[in-house]
Amino acid sequence: MTATIIQEFRRAPAATALMLITVVLVTALTTIGAAACFQVMQSSGAFFTQAVTRTFYKCMKASLTAIKYRPLRPSTQRSSPAKPKKASA
């Protein structure tokens, strides 16, 4: 395969060979750039997910702890119904 490509380079005019080299380089750089972009986006997405999950967990833990340990408000405490006072005669 490589020998065939080298033979084609020898037969082709300089402009065609230069164009082929340019296409190969552009394709390689585009592939490398796309891979690097994907890697950056993937790592930033993972960082974003970790940060949001950690913050969300802290908020939920704080609110659940507050609910668990807060005293009942006086208006919501249940008391036994008031007994009617007997009329004194």
PDB file of N, CA and C in Angstrom:
ATOM      1  N   MET A   1       0.834  -1.196   0.000  1.00  0.00           N
ATOM      2  CA  MET A   1       0.000   0.000   0.000  1.00  0.00           C
ATOM      3  C   MET A   1       0.877   1.257   0.000  1.00  0.00           C
ATOM      4  N   THR A   2       1.878   1.280   0.909  1.00  0.00           N
ATOM      5  CA  THR A   2       2.762   2.447   0.980  1.00  0.00           C
ATOM      6  C   THR A   2       3.574   2.595  -0.299  1.00  0.00           C
ATOM      7  N   ALA A   3       4.007   1.476  -0.850  1.00  0.00           N
ATOM      8  CA  ALA A   3       4.788   1.525  -2.097  1.00  0.00           C
ATOM      9  C   ALA A   3       3.954   2.102  -3.231  1.00  0.00           C
ATOM     10  N   THR A   4       2.699   1.761  -3.282  1.00  0.00           N
ATOM     11  CA  THR A   4       1.801   2.285  -4.319  1.00  0.00           C
ATOM     12  C   THR A   4       1.653   3.793  -4.180  1.00  0.00           C
ATOM     13  N   ILE A   5       1.519   4.267  -2.956  1.00  0.00           N
ATOM     14  CA  ILE A   5       1.370   5.707  -2.732  1.00  0.00           C
ATOM     15  C   ILE A   5       2.641   6.440  -3.149  1.00  0.00           C
ATOM     16  N   ILE A   6       3.790   5.867  -2.823  1.00  0.00           N
ATOM     17  CA  ILE A   6       5.068   6.491  -3.196  1.00  0.00           C
ATOM     18  C   ILE A   6       5.216   6.538  -4.716  1.00  0.00           C
ATOM     19  N   GLN A   7       4.815   5.477  -5.410  1.00  0.00           N
ATOM     20  CA  GLN A   7       4.883   5.470  -6.874  1.00  0.00           C
ATOM     21  C   GLN A   7       3.966   6.534  -7.462  1.00  0.00           C
ATOM     22  N   GLU A   8       2.795   6.696  -6.878  1.00  0.00           N
ATOM     23  CA  GLU A   8       1.865   7.721  -7.361  1.00  0.00           C
ATOM     24  C   GLU A   8       2.456   9.114  -7.168  1.00  0.00           C
ATOM     25  N   PHE A   9       3.151   9.323  -6.048  1.00  0.00           N
ATOM     26  CA  PHE A   9       3.797  10.613  -5.821  1.00  0.00           C
ATOM     27  C   PHE A   9       4.864  10.891  -6.880  1.00  0.00           C
ATOM     28  N   ARG A  10       5.588   9.868  -7.258  1.00  0.00           N
ATOM     29  CA  ARG A  10       6.654  10.046  -8.252  1.00  0.00           C
ATOM     30  C   ARG A  10       6.081  10.376  -9.628  1.00  0.00           C
ATOM     31  N   ARG A  11       4.957   9.788  -9.947  1.00  0.00           N
ATOM     32  CA  ARG A  11       4.341  10.027 -11.260  1.00  0.00           C
ATOM     33  C   ARG A  11       3.573  11.340 -11.308  1.00  0.00           C
ATOM     34  N   ALA A  12       3.030  11.757 -10.184  1.00  0.00           N
ATOM     35  CA  ALA A  12       2.156  12.931 -10.178  1.00  0.00           C
ATOM     36  C   ALA A  12       2.970  14.217 -10.294  1.00  0.00           C
ATOM     37  N   PRO A  13       2.368  15.224 -10.904  1.00  0.00           N
ATOM     38  CA  PRO A  13       3.048  16.514 -10.944  1.00  0.00           C
ATOM     39  C   PRO A  13       3.154  17.109  -9.532  1.00  0.00           C
ATOM     40  N   ALA A  14       4.028  18.057  -9.375  1.00  0.00           N
ATOM     41  CA  ALA A  14       4.291  18.639  -8.053  1.00  0.00           C
ATOM     42  C   ALA A  14       3.028  19.265  -7.447  1.00  0.00           C
ATOM     43  N   ALA A  15       2.211  19.895  -8.252  1.00  0.00           N
ATOM     44  CA  ALA A  15       1.010  20.556  -7.728  1.00  0.00           C
ATOM     45  C   ALA A  15       0.031  19.532  -7.157  1.00  0.00           C
ATOM     46  N   THR A  16      -0.124  18.413  -7.818  1.00  0.00           N
ATOM     47  CA  THR A  16      -1.030  17.373  -7.334  1.00  0.00           C
ATOM     48  C   THR A  16      -0.515  16.769  -6.038  1.00  0.00           C
ATOM     49  N   ALA A  17       0.790  16.529  -5.989  1.00  0.00           N
ATOM     50  CA  ALA A  17       1.375  15.971  -4.769  1.00  0.00           C
ATOM     51  C   ALA A  17       1.229  16.944  -3.609  1.00  0.00           C
ATOM     52  N   LEU A  18       1.446  18.214  -3.878  1.00  0.00           N
ATOM     53  CA  LEU A  18       1.303  19.226  -2.830  1.00  0.00           C
ATOM     54  C   LEU A  18      -0.145  19.306  -2.346  1.00  0.00           C
ATOM     55  N   MET A  19      -1.077  19.201  -3.296  1.00  0.00           N
ATOM     56  CA  MET A  19      -2.485  19.243  -2.917  1.00  0.00           C
ATOM     57  C   MET A  19      -2.847  18.024  -2.064  1.00  0.00           C
ATOM     58  N   LEU A  20      -2.324  16.862  -2.428  1.00  0.00           N
ATOM     59  CA  LEU A  20      -2.600  15.650  -1.660  1.00  0.00           C
ATOM     60  C   LEU A  20      -2.014  15.750  -0.248  1.00  0.00           C
ATOM     61  N   ILE A  21      -0.791  16.273  -0.147  1.00  0.00           N
ATOM     62  CA  ILE A  21      -0.179  16.453   1.173  1.00  0.00           C
ATOM     63  C   ILE A  21      -1.003  17.433   2.010  1.00  0.00           C
ATOM     64  N   THR A  22      -1.469  18.491   1.375  1.00  0.00           N
ATOM     65  CA  THR A  22      -2.295  19.479   2.083  1.00  0.00           C
ATOM     66  C   THR A  22      -3.583  18.852   2.589  1.00  0.00           C
ATOM     67  N   VAL A  23      -4.225  18.053   1.760  1.00  0.00           N
ATOM     68  CA  VAL A  23      -5.473  17.395   2.174  1.00  0.00           C
ATOM     69  C   VAL A  23      -5.222  16.452   3.345  1.00  0.00           C
ATOM     70  N   VAL A  24      -4.134  15.691   3.273  1.00  0.00           N
ATOM     71  CA  VAL A  24      -3.806  14.760   4.358  1.00  0.00           C
ATOM     72  C   VAL A  24      -3.544  15.520   5.656  1.00  0.00           C
ATOM     73  N   LEU A  25      -2.770  16.601   5.574  1.00  0.00           N
ATOM     74  CA  LEU A  25      -2.477  17.394   6.774  1.00  0.00           C
ATOM     75  C   LEU A  25      -3.735  18.037   7.360  1.00  0.00           C
ATOM     76  N   VAL A  26      -4.560  18.583   6.494  1.00  0.00           N
ATOM     77  CA  VAL A  26      -5.803  19.208   6.980  1.00  0.00           C
ATOM     78  C   VAL A  26      -6.703  18.167   7.628  1.00  0.00           C
ATOM     79  N   THR A  27      -6.806  17.003   7.027  1.00  0.00           N
ATOM     80  CA  THR A  27      -7.622  15.933   7.608  1.00  0.00           C
ATOM     81  C   THR A  27      -7.079  15.507   8.966  1.00  0.00           C
ATOM     82  N   ALA A  28      -5.763  15.354   9.057  1.00  0.00           N
ATOM     83  CA  ALA A  28      -5.157  14.945  10.330  1.00  0.00           C
ATOM     84  C   ALA A  28      -5.370  16.010  11.400  1.00  0.00           C
ATOM     85  N   LEU A  29      -5.134  17.266  11.043  1.00  0.00           N
ATOM     86  CA  LEU A  29      -5.315  18.344  12.025  1.00  0.00           C
ATOM     87  C   LEU A  29      -6.775  18.488  12.448  1.00  0.00           C
ATOM     88  N   THR A  30      -7.687  18.302  11.507  1.00  0.00           N
ATOM     89  CA  THR A  30      -9.110  18.369  11.851  1.00  0.00           C
ATOM     90  C   THR A  30      -9.483  17.248  12.813  1.00  0.00           C
ATOM     91  N   THR A  31      -8.968  16.054  12.540  1.00  0.00           N
ATOM     92  CA  THR A  31      -9.248  14.918  13.429  1.00  0.00           C
ATOM     93  C   THR A  31      -8.680  15.157  14.821  1.00  0.00           C
ATOM     94  N   ILE A  32      -7.441  15.645  14.880  1.00  0.00           N
ATOM     95  CA  ILE A  32      -6.821  15.922  16.180  1.00  0.00           C
ATOM     96  C   ILE A  32      -7.586  17.027  16.906  1.00  0.00           C
ATOM     97  N   GLY A  33      -7.974  18.060  16.172  1.00  0.00           N
ATOM     98  CA  GLY A  33      -8.734  19.158  16.781  1.00  0.00           C
ATOM     99  C   GLY A  33     -10.083  18.701  17.299  1.00  0.00           C
ATOM    100  N   ALA A  34     -10.762  17.861  16.526  1.00  0.00           N
ATOM    101  CA  ALA A  34     -12.062  17.352  16.976  1.00  0.00           C
ATOM    102  C   ALA A  34     -11.906  16.483  18.215  1.00  0.00           C
ATOM    103  N   ALA A  35     -10.866  15.659  18.239  1.00  0.00           N
ATOM    104  CA  ALA A  35     -10.633  14.808  19.413  1.00  0.00           C
ATOM    105  C   ALA A  35     -10.309  15.653  20.638  1.00  0.00           C
ATOM    106  N   ALA A  36      -9.498  16.686  20.457  1.00  0.00           N
ATOM    107  CA  ALA A  36      -9.156  17.565  21.581  1.00  0.00           C
ATOM    108  C   ALA A  36     -10.387  18.311  22.074  1.00  0.00           C
ATOM    109  N   CYS A  37     -11.202  18.785  21.146  1.00  0.00           N
ATOM    110  CA  CYS A  37     -12.433  19.493  21.521  1.00  0.00           C
ATOM    111  C   CYS A  37     -13.368  18.563  22.281  1.00  0.00           C
ATOM    112  N   PHE A  38     -13.510  17.349  21.807  1.00  0.00           N
ATOM    113  CA  PHE A  38     -14.360  16.378  22.495  1.00  0.00           C
ATOM    114  C   PHE A  38     -13.837  16.099  23.896  1.00  0.00           C
ATOM    115  N   GLN A  39     -12.512  15.969  24.025  1.00  0.00           N
ATOM    116  CA  GLN A  39     -11.912  15.687  25.331  1.00  0.00           C
ATOM    117  C   GLN A  39     -12.170  16.834  26.300  1.00  0.00           C
ATOM    118  N   VAL A  40     -12.005  18.062  25.829  1.00  0.00           N
ATOM    119  CA  VAL A  40     -12.235  19.232  26.689  1.00  0.00           C
ATOM    120  C   VAL A  40     -13.696  19.302  27.099  1.00  0.00           C
ATOM    121  N   MET A  41     -14.599  19.086  26.155  1.00  0.00           N
ATOM    122  CA  MET A  41     -16.025  19.162  26.479  1.00  0.00           C
ATOM    123  C   MET A  41     -16.417  18.047  27.441  1.00  0.00           C
ATOM    124  N   GLN A  42     -15.854  16.872  27.260  1.00  0.00           N
ATOM    125  CA  GLN A  42     -16.180  15.751  28.136  1.00  0.00           C
ATOM    126  C   GLN A  42     -15.681  16.022  29.552  1.00  0.00           C
ATOM    127  N   SER A  43     -14.462  16.523  29.675  1.00  0.00           N
ATOM    128  CA  SER A  43     -13.924  16.776  31.012  1.00  0.00           C
ATOM    129  C   SER A  43     -14.641  17.940  31.675  1.00  0.00           C
ATOM    130  N   SER A  44     -15.004  18.976  30.913  1.00  0.00           N
ATOM    131  CA  SER A  44     -15.726  20.094  31.520  1.00  0.00           C
ATOM    132  C   SER A  44     -17.135  19.653  31.900  1.00  0.00           C
ATOM    133  N   GLY A  45     -17.722  18.763  31.110  1.00  0.00           N
ATOM    134  CA  GLY A  45     -19.041  18.236  31.477  1.00  0.00           C
ATOM    135  C   GLY A  45     -18.985  17.422  32.746  1.00  0.00           C
ATOM    136  N   ALA A  46     -17.932  16.632  32.892  1.00  0.00           N
ATOM    137  CA  ALA A  46     -17.768  15.850  34.117  1.00  0.00           C
ATOM    138  C   ALA A  46     -17.555  16.765  35.309  1.00  0.00           C
ATOM    139  N   PHE A  47     -16.761  17.824  35.111  1.00  0.00           N
ATOM    140  CA  PHE A  47     -16.530  18.774  36.204  1.00  0.00           C
ATOM    141  C   PHE A  47     -17.831  19.457  36.594  1.00  0.00           C
ATOM    142  N   PHE A  48     -18.610  19.870  35.577  1.00  0.00           N
ATOM    143  CA  PHE A  48     -19.883  20.531  35.850  1.00  0.00           C
ATOM    144  C   PHE A  48     -20.822  19.596  36.609  1.00  0.00           C
ATOM    145  N   THR A  49     -20.887  18.342  36.189  1.00  0.00           N
ATOM    146  CA  THR A  49     -21.755  17.376  36.862  1.00  0.00           C
ATOM    147  C   THR A  49     -21.330  17.163  38.304  1.00  0.00           C
ATOM    148  N   GLN A  50     -20.021  17.041  38.545  1.00  0.00           N
ATOM    149  CA  GLN A  50     -19.542  16.851  39.915  1.00  0.00           C
ATOM    150  C   GLN A  50     -19.857  18.062  40.776  1.00  0.00           C
ATOM    151  N   ALA A  51     -19.637  19.257  40.234  1.00  0.00           N
ATOM    152  CA  ALA A  51     -19.868  20.473  41.014  1.00  0.00           C
ATOM    153  C   ALA A  51     -21.347  20.626  41.346  1.00  0.00           C
ATOM    154  N   VAL A  52     -22.209  20.414  40.364  1.00  0.00           N
ATOM    155  CA  VAL A  52     -23.643  20.572  40.593  1.00  0.00           C
ATOM    156  C   VAL A  52     -24.146  19.507  41.552  1.00  0.00           C
ATOM    157  N   THR A  53     -23.694  18.266  41.388  1.00  0.00           N
ATOM    158  CA  THR A  53     -24.140  17.188  42.267  1.00  0.00           C
ATOM    159  C   THR A  53     -23.715  17.453  43.704  1.00  0.00           C
ATOM    160  N   ARG A  54     -22.476  17.895  43.893  1.00  0.00           N
ATOM    161  CA  ARG A  54     -21.974  18.170  45.241  1.00  0.00           C
ATOM    162  C   ARG A  54     -22.781  19.302  45.886  1.00  0.00           C
ATOM    163  N   THR A  55     -23.030  20.378  45.139  1.00  0.00           N
ATOM    164  CA  THR A  55     -23.785  21.513  45.676  1.00  0.00           C
ATOM    165  C   THR A  55     -25.223  21.103  45.970  1.00  0.00           C
ATOM    166  N   PHE A  56     -25.824  20.356  45.061  1.00  0.00           N
ATOM    167  CA  PHE A  56     -27.202  19.918  45.256  1.00  0.00           C
ATOM    168  C   PHE A  56     -27.309  19.025  46.494  1.00  0.00           C
ATOM    169  N   TYR A  57     -26.337  18.132  46.671  1.00  0.00           N
ATOM    170  CA  TYR A  57     -26.349  17.246  47.832  1.00  0.00           C
ATOM    171  C   TYR A  57     -26.226  18.047  49.120  1.00  0.00           C
ATOM    172  N   LYS A  58     -25.342  19.038  49.121  1.00  0.00           N
ATOM    173  CA  LYS A  58     -25.185  19.864  50.324  1.00  0.00           C
ATOM    174  C   LYS A  58     -26.483  20.604  50.641  1.00  0.00           C
ATOM    175  N   CYS A  59     -27.115  21.157  49.628  1.00  0.00           N
ATOM    176  CA  CYS A  59     -28.376  21.883  49.849  1.00  0.00           C
ATOM    177  C   CYS A  59     -29.447  20.939  50.379  1.00  0.00           C
ATOM    178  N   MET A  60     -29.555  19.767  49.770  1.00  0.00           N
ATOM    179  CA  MET A  60     -30.581  18.819  50.211  1.00  0.00           C
ATOM    180  C   MET A  60     -30.292  18.331  51.626  1.00  0.00           C
ATOM    181  N   LYS A  61     -29.034  18.067  51.939  1.00  0.00           N
ATOM    182  CA  LYS A  61     -28.674  17.587  53.263  1.00  0.00           C
ATOM    183  C   LYS A  61     -28.985  18.648  54.308  1.00  0.00           C
ATOM    184  N   ALA A  62     -28.672  19.903  54.004  1.00  0.00           N
ATOM    185  CA  ALA A  62     -28.937  20.991  54.947  1.00  0.00           C
ATOM    186  C   ALA A  62     -30.432  21.152  55.178  1.00  0.00           C
ATOM    187  N   SER A  63     -31.222  21.104  54.121  1.00  0.00           N
ATOM    188  CA  SER A  63     -32.662  21.297  54.288  1.00  0.00           C
ATOM    189  C   SER A  63     -33.294  20.111  55.013  1.00  0.00           C
ATOM    190  N   LEU A  64     -32.824  18.893  54.730  1.00  0.00           N
ATOM    191  CA  LEU A  64     -33.377  17.727  55.428  1.00  0.00           C
ATOM    192  C   LEU A  64     -32.994  17.739  56.905  1.00  0.00           C
ATOM    193  N   THR A  65     -31.769  18.173  57.204  1.00  0.00           N
ATOM    194  CA  THR A  65     -31.341  18.272  58.600  1.00  0.00           C
ATOM    195  C   THR A  65     -32.171  19.321  59.319  1.00  0.00           C
ATOM    196  N   ALA A  66     -32.436  20.433  58.663  1.00  0.00           N
ATOM    197  CA  ALA A  66     -33.232  21.491  59.278  1.00  0.00           C
ATOM    198  C   ALA A  66     -34.647  21.003  59.562  1.00  0.00           C
ATOM    199  N   ILE A  67     -35.211  20.241  58.658  1.00  0.00           N
ATOM    200  CA  ILE A  67     -36.566  19.725  58.868  1.00  0.00           C
ATOM    201  C   ILE A  67     -36.566  18.710  60.007  1.00  0.00           C
ATOM    202  N   LYS A  68     -35.541  17.884  60.070  1.00  0.00           N
ATOM    203  CA  LYS A  68     -35.496  16.822  61.074  1.00  0.00           C
ATOM    204  C   LYS A  68     -35.392  17.393  62.488  1.00  0.00           C
ATOM    205  N   TYR A  69     -34.598  18.420  62.673  1.00  0.00           N
ATOM    206  CA  TYR A  69     -34.320  18.910  64.015  1.00  0.00           C
ATOM    207  C   TYR A  69     -35.076  20.181  64.411  1.00  0.00           C
ATOM    208  N   ARG A  70     -35.919  20.701  63.560  1.00  0.00           N
ATOM    209  CA  ARG A  70     -36.604  21.934  63.951  1.00  0.00           C
ATOM    210  C   ARG A  70     -37.758  21.589  64.890  1.00  0.00           C
ATOM    211  N   PRO A  71     -37.990  22.419  65.887  1.00  0.00           N
ATOM    212  CA  PRO A  71     -39.111  22.158  66.797  1.00  0.00           C
ATOM    213  C   PRO A  71     -40.432  22.476  66.115  1.00  0.00           C
ATOM    214  N   LEU A  72     -41.453  21.843  66.588  1.00  0.00           N
ATOM    215  CA  LEU A  72     -42.770  22.129  66.033  1.00  0.00           C
ATOM    216  C   LEU A  72     -43.185  23.535  66.426  1.00  0.00           C
ATOM    217  N   ARG A  73     -43.860  24.184  65.543  1.00  0.00           N
ATOM    218  CA  ARG A  73     -44.361  25.523  65.857  1.00  0.00           C
ATOM    219  C   ARG A  73     -45.523  25.383  66.834  1.00  0.00           C
ATOM    220  N   PRO A  74     -45.713  26.388  67.684  1.00  0.00           N
ATOM    221  CA  PRO A  74     -46.824  26.301  68.650  1.00  0.00           C
ATOM    222  C   PRO A  74     -48.182  26.093  67.983  1.00  0.00           C
ATOM    223  N   SER A  75     -48.379  26.663  66.823  1.00  0.00           N
ATOM    224  CA  SER A  75     -49.680  26.529  66.168  1.00  0.00           C
ATOM    225  C   SER A  75     -49.906  25.112  65.649  1.00  0.00           C
ATOM    226  N   THR A  76     -48.848  24.350  65.451  1.00  0.00           N
ATOM    227  CA  THR A  76     -49.022  23.005  64.914  1.00  0.00           C
ATOM    228  C   THR A  76     -48.934  21.930  65.994  1.00  0.00           C
ATOM    229  N   GLN A  77     -48.585  22.318  67.231  1.00  0.00           N
ATOM    230  CA  GLN A  77     -48.524  21.324  68.292  1.00  0.00           C
ATOM    231  C   GLN A  77     -49.941  20.938  68.694  1.00  0.00           C
ATOM    232  N   ARG A  78     -50.098  19.671  68.924  1.00  0.00           N
ATOM    233  CA  ARG A  78     -51.426  19.195  69.307  1.00  0.00           C
ATOM    234  C   ARG A  78     -51.534  19.167  70.821  1.00  0.00           C
ATOM    235  N   SER A  79     -52.598  19.636  71.278  1.00  0.00           N
ATOM    236  CA  SER A  79     -52.836  19.592  72.721  1.00  0.00           C
ATOM    237  C   SER A  79     -54.201  18.949  72.945  1.00  0.00           C
ATOM    238  N   SER A  80     -54.385  18.479  74.147  1.00  0.00           N
ATOM    239  CA  SER A  80     -55.675  17.853  74.435  1.00  0.00           C
ATOM    240  C   SER A  80     -56.750  18.939  74.431  1.00  0.00           C
ATOM    241  N   PRO A  81     -57.931  18.590  74.010  1.00  0.00           N
ATOM    242  CA  PRO A  81     -58.995  19.601  73.961  1.00  0.00           C
ATOM    243  C   PRO A  81     -59.288  20.124  75.371  1.00  0.00           C
ATOM    244  N   ALA A  82     -59.572  21.398  75.431  1.00  0.00           N
ATOM    245  CA  ALA A  82     -59.848  22.022  76.732  1.00  0.00           C
ATOM    246  C   ALA A  82     -61.149  21.458  77.301  1.00  0.00           C
ATOM    247  N   LYS A  83     -61.090  21.102  78.588  1.00  0.00           N
ATOM    248  CA  LYS A  83     -62.298  20.580  79.233  1.00  0.00           C
ATOM    249  C   LYS A  83     -63.175  21.757  79.643  1.00  0.00           C
ATOM    250  N   PRO A  84     -64.443  21.614  79.452  1.00  0.00           N
ATOM    251  CA  PRO A  84     -65.327  22.725  79.863  1.00  0.00           C
ATOM    252  C   PRO A  84     -65.316  22.861  81.387  1.00  0.00           C
ATOM    253  N   LYS A  85     -65.259  24.095  81.834  1.00  0.00           N
ATOM    254  CA  LYS A  85     -65.257  24.344  83.270  1.00  0.00           C
ATOM    255  C   LYS A  85     -66.664  24.140  83.815  1.00  0.00           C
ATOM    256  N   LYS A  86     -66.707  23.601  85.009  1.00  0.00           N
ATOM    257  CA  LYS A  86     -68.019  23.412  85.641  1.00  0.00           C
ATOM    258  C   LYS A  86     -68.454  24.749  86.235  1.00  0.00           C
ATOM    259  N   ALA A  87     -69.682  25.010  86.071  1.00  0.00           N
ATOM    260  CA  ALA A  87     -70.214  26.264  86.631  1.00  0.00           C
ATOM    261  C   ALA A  87     -70.344  26.113  88.136  1.00  0.00           C
ATOM    262  N   SER A  88     -69.797  27.049  88.855  1.00  0.00           N
ATOM    263  CA  SER A  88     -69.895  26.965  90.321  1.00  0.00           C
ATOM    264  C   SER A  88     -71.224  27.535  90.767  1.00  0.00           C
ATOM    265  N   ALA A  89     -71.881  26.880  91.698  1.00  0.00           N
ATOM    266  CA  ALA A  89     -73.202  27.312  92.129  1.00  0.00           C
ATOM    267  C   ALA A  89     -73.193  28.052  93.421  1.00  0.00           C
TER     268      ALA A  89
END
